[in-house]
Amino acid sequence: MDWLLAAAGADRLLWGSDFSPALGHLTYEQTIALPPLRALPIADRTGIYGANLRRLLAVDQQG
């Protein structure tokens, strides 16, 4: 994770997964609670978990 942050910056990273079987073994929260991400400031995590994608797609965040 550190090399991704150094290479791209938190404002250019997106969280995503196509491994839906994980939800048969873990809660949704457990699938995204990766230790490297938990160590990031909340603003960086908010971006990675969705705000960056909304910004890139120019989605109105009010609705």
N, C-alpha and C. Protein backbone atom coordinates (compact mmCIF):
# COMPACT_ATOMS: atom_id res chain seq x y z
N MET A 1 0.82 -1.19 0.00
CA MET A 1 0.00 0.00 0.00
C MET A 1 0.86 1.25 0.00
N ASP A 2 1.96 1.24 0.73
CA ASP A 2 2.81 2.43 0.81
C ASP A 2 3.33 2.85 -0.56
N TRP A 3 3.69 1.87 -1.38
CA TRP A 3 4.23 2.24 -2.69
C TRP A 3 3.12 2.81 -3.59
N LEU A 4 1.89 2.34 -3.43
CA LEU A 4 0.78 2.93 -4.20
C LEU A 4 0.55 4.38 -3.79
N LEU A 5 0.56 4.62 -2.49
CA LEU A 5 0.37 5.99 -2.00
C LEU A 5 1.48 6.90 -2.50
N ALA A 6 2.72 6.40 -2.46
CA ALA A 6 3.85 7.20 -2.91
C ALA A 6 3.80 7.46 -4.42
N ALA A 7 3.40 6.46 -5.17
CA ALA A 7 3.40 6.58 -6.63
C ALA A 7 2.23 7.41 -7.15
N ALA A 8 1.06 7.22 -6.58
CA ALA A 8 -0.14 7.86 -7.13
C ALA A 8 -0.72 8.94 -6.23
N GLY A 9 -0.58 8.79 -4.94
CA GLY A 9 -1.22 9.71 -4.00
C GLY A 9 -2.62 9.22 -3.66
N ALA A 10 -3.05 9.47 -2.45
CA ALA A 10 -4.34 8.99 -1.98
C ALA A 10 -5.50 9.56 -2.80
N ASP A 11 -5.33 10.72 -3.39
CA ASP A 11 -6.41 11.33 -4.16
C ASP A 11 -6.60 10.70 -5.53
N ARG A 12 -5.74 9.73 -5.88
CA ARG A 12 -5.87 9.05 -7.17
C ARG A 12 -6.13 7.55 -7.00
N LEU A 13 -6.38 7.10 -5.77
CA LEU A 13 -6.65 5.69 -5.52
C LEU A 13 -8.15 5.46 -5.33
N LEU A 14 -8.61 4.29 -5.76
CA LEU A 14 -10.02 3.90 -5.63
C LEU A 14 -10.08 2.52 -5.01
N TRP A 15 -11.06 2.31 -4.15
CA TRP A 15 -11.28 0.99 -3.57
C TRP A 15 -12.28 0.25 -4.45
N GLY A 16 -11.99 -1.01 -4.71
CA GLY A 16 -12.92 -1.81 -5.47
C GLY A 16 -12.59 -3.28 -5.34
N SER A 17 -13.56 -4.12 -5.52
CA SER A 17 -13.35 -5.55 -5.48
C SER A 17 -14.41 -6.23 -6.33
N ASP A 18 -14.03 -7.30 -6.96
CA ASP A 18 -14.99 -8.11 -7.69
C ASP A 18 -15.10 -9.49 -7.08
N PHE A 19 -14.72 -9.61 -5.80
CA PHE A 19 -14.74 -10.89 -5.14
C PHE A 19 -15.90 -10.97 -4.16
N SER A 20 -17.10 -11.08 -4.69
CA SER A 20 -18.30 -11.11 -3.84
C SER A 20 -18.36 -12.31 -2.90
N PRO A 21 -17.70 -13.47 -3.22
CA PRO A 21 -17.76 -14.57 -2.25
C PRO A 21 -17.17 -14.22 -0.88
N ALA A 22 -16.38 -13.16 -0.81
CA ALA A 22 -15.83 -12.75 0.49
C ALA A 22 -16.94 -12.49 1.48
N LEU A 23 -18.08 -12.00 1.00
CA LEU A 23 -19.18 -11.66 1.90
C LEU A 23 -19.82 -12.90 2.51
N GLY A 24 -19.50 -14.06 2.00
CA GLY A 24 -19.96 -15.30 2.62
C GLY A 24 -19.15 -15.68 3.84
N HIS A 25 -18.03 -15.01 4.03
CA HIS A 25 -17.12 -15.34 5.13
C HIS A 25 -16.85 -14.16 6.05
N LEU A 26 -17.05 -12.95 5.56
CA LEU A 26 -16.74 -11.74 6.31
C LEU A 26 -17.90 -10.77 6.22
N THR A 27 -17.94 -9.81 7.14
CA THR A 27 -18.90 -8.73 7.00
C THR A 27 -18.36 -7.75 5.96
N TYR A 28 -19.24 -6.90 5.46
CA TYR A 28 -18.80 -5.88 4.51
C TYR A 28 -17.71 -5.02 5.13
N GLU A 29 -17.90 -4.62 6.39
CA GLU A 29 -16.92 -3.78 7.08
C GLU A 29 -15.56 -4.46 7.15
N GLN A 30 -15.54 -5.77 7.39
CA GLN A 30 -14.27 -6.49 7.45
C GLN A 30 -13.56 -6.53 6.10
N THR A 31 -14.32 -6.55 5.02
CA THR A 31 -13.68 -6.62 3.70
C THR A 31 -12.96 -5.33 3.33
N ILE A 32 -13.39 -4.20 3.91
CA ILE A 32 -12.74 -2.93 3.58
C ILE A 32 -11.85 -2.40 4.69
N ALA A 33 -11.81 -3.07 5.82
CA ALA A 33 -11.03 -2.60 6.97
C ALA A 33 -9.60 -3.15 6.90
N LEU A 34 -8.90 -2.83 5.84
CA LEU A 34 -7.52 -3.28 5.69
C LEU A 34 -6.62 -2.44 6.58
N PRO A 35 -5.71 -3.07 7.30
CA PRO A 35 -4.83 -2.31 8.20
C PRO A 35 -4.13 -1.12 7.56
N PRO A 36 -3.59 -1.23 6.35
CA PRO A 36 -2.94 -0.06 5.76
C PRO A 36 -3.90 1.10 5.54
N LEU A 37 -5.15 0.80 5.22
CA LEU A 37 -6.13 1.87 5.01
C LEU A 37 -6.57 2.48 6.33
N ARG A 38 -6.68 1.67 7.37
CA ARG A 38 -7.08 2.19 8.68
C ARG A 38 -6.07 3.19 9.22
N ALA A 39 -4.82 3.07 8.80
CA ALA A 39 -3.77 3.96 9.28
C ALA A 39 -3.79 5.33 8.59
N LEU A 40 -4.54 5.45 7.51
CA LEU A 40 -4.59 6.71 6.76
C LEU A 40 -5.49 7.73 7.46
N PRO A 41 -5.24 8.99 7.22
CA PRO A 41 -6.16 10.02 7.72
C PRO A 41 -7.56 9.80 7.13
N ILE A 42 -8.57 10.21 7.86
CA ILE A 42 -9.95 10.01 7.44
C ILE A 42 -10.23 10.62 6.07
N ALA A 43 -9.65 11.75 5.77
CA ALA A 43 -9.87 12.38 4.46
C ALA A 43 -9.36 11.48 3.33
N ASP A 44 -8.22 10.85 3.52
CA ASP A 44 -7.69 9.94 2.50
C ASP A 44 -8.57 8.71 2.36
N ARG A 45 -9.01 8.14 3.49
CA ARG A 45 -9.88 6.96 3.44
C ARG A 45 -11.22 7.30 2.77
N THR A 46 -11.77 8.45 3.08
CA THR A 46 -13.03 8.86 2.47
C THR A 46 -12.87 8.96 0.96
N GLY A 47 -11.74 9.48 0.52
CA GLY A 47 -11.47 9.56 -0.92
C GLY A 47 -11.38 8.19 -1.55
N ILE A 48 -10.58 7.33 -0.97
CA ILE A 48 -10.36 5.99 -1.52
C ILE A 48 -11.64 5.18 -1.54
N TYR A 49 -12.47 5.32 -0.51
CA TYR A 49 -13.70 4.54 -0.41
C TYR A 49 -14.84 5.09 -1.27
N GLY A 50 -14.66 6.23 -1.93
CA GLY A 50 -15.73 6.67 -2.82
C GLY A 50 -15.66 8.10 -3.31
N ALA A 51 -15.15 9.01 -2.51
CA ALA A 51 -15.15 10.41 -2.92
C ALA A 51 -14.28 10.65 -4.15
N ASN A 52 -13.19 9.91 -4.28
CA ASN A 52 -12.33 10.08 -5.47
C ASN A 52 -13.08 9.68 -6.73
N LEU A 53 -13.81 8.59 -6.67
CA LEU A 53 -14.57 8.14 -7.84
C LEU A 53 -15.66 9.14 -8.19
N ARG A 54 -16.38 9.63 -7.18
CA ARG A 54 -17.41 10.63 -7.45
C ARG A 54 -16.80 11.87 -8.09
N ARG A 55 -15.63 12.29 -7.61
CA ARG A 55 -14.96 13.45 -8.18
C ARG A 55 -14.55 13.17 -9.63
N LEU A 56 -13.98 12.01 -9.89
CA LEU A 56 -13.55 11.67 -11.24
C LEU A 56 -14.72 11.59 -12.21
N LEU A 57 -15.85 11.13 -11.73
CA LEU A 57 -17.04 11.02 -12.58
C LEU A 57 -17.86 12.30 -12.57
N ALA A 58 -17.42 13.28 -11.79
CA ALA A 58 -18.11 14.56 -11.67
C ALA A 58 -19.56 14.37 -11.22
N VAL A 59 -19.75 13.52 -10.24
CA VAL A 59 -21.07 13.28 -9.69
C VAL A 59 -21.36 14.33 -8.63
N ASP A 60 -22.55 14.90 -8.70
CA ASP A 60 -22.97 15.87 -7.70
C ASP A 60 -23.08 15.17 -6.36
N GLN A 61 -22.33 15.62 -5.38
CA GLN A 61 -22.33 14.97 -4.08
C GLN A 61 -23.53 15.33 -3.23
N GLN A 62 -24.38 16.21 -3.69
CA GLN A 62 -25.60 16.56 -2.95
C GLN A 62 -26.74 15.60 -3.27
N GLY A 63 -26.65 14.88 -4.33
CA GLY A 63 -27.78 14.04 -4.65
C GLY A 63 -27.50 13.13 -5.76
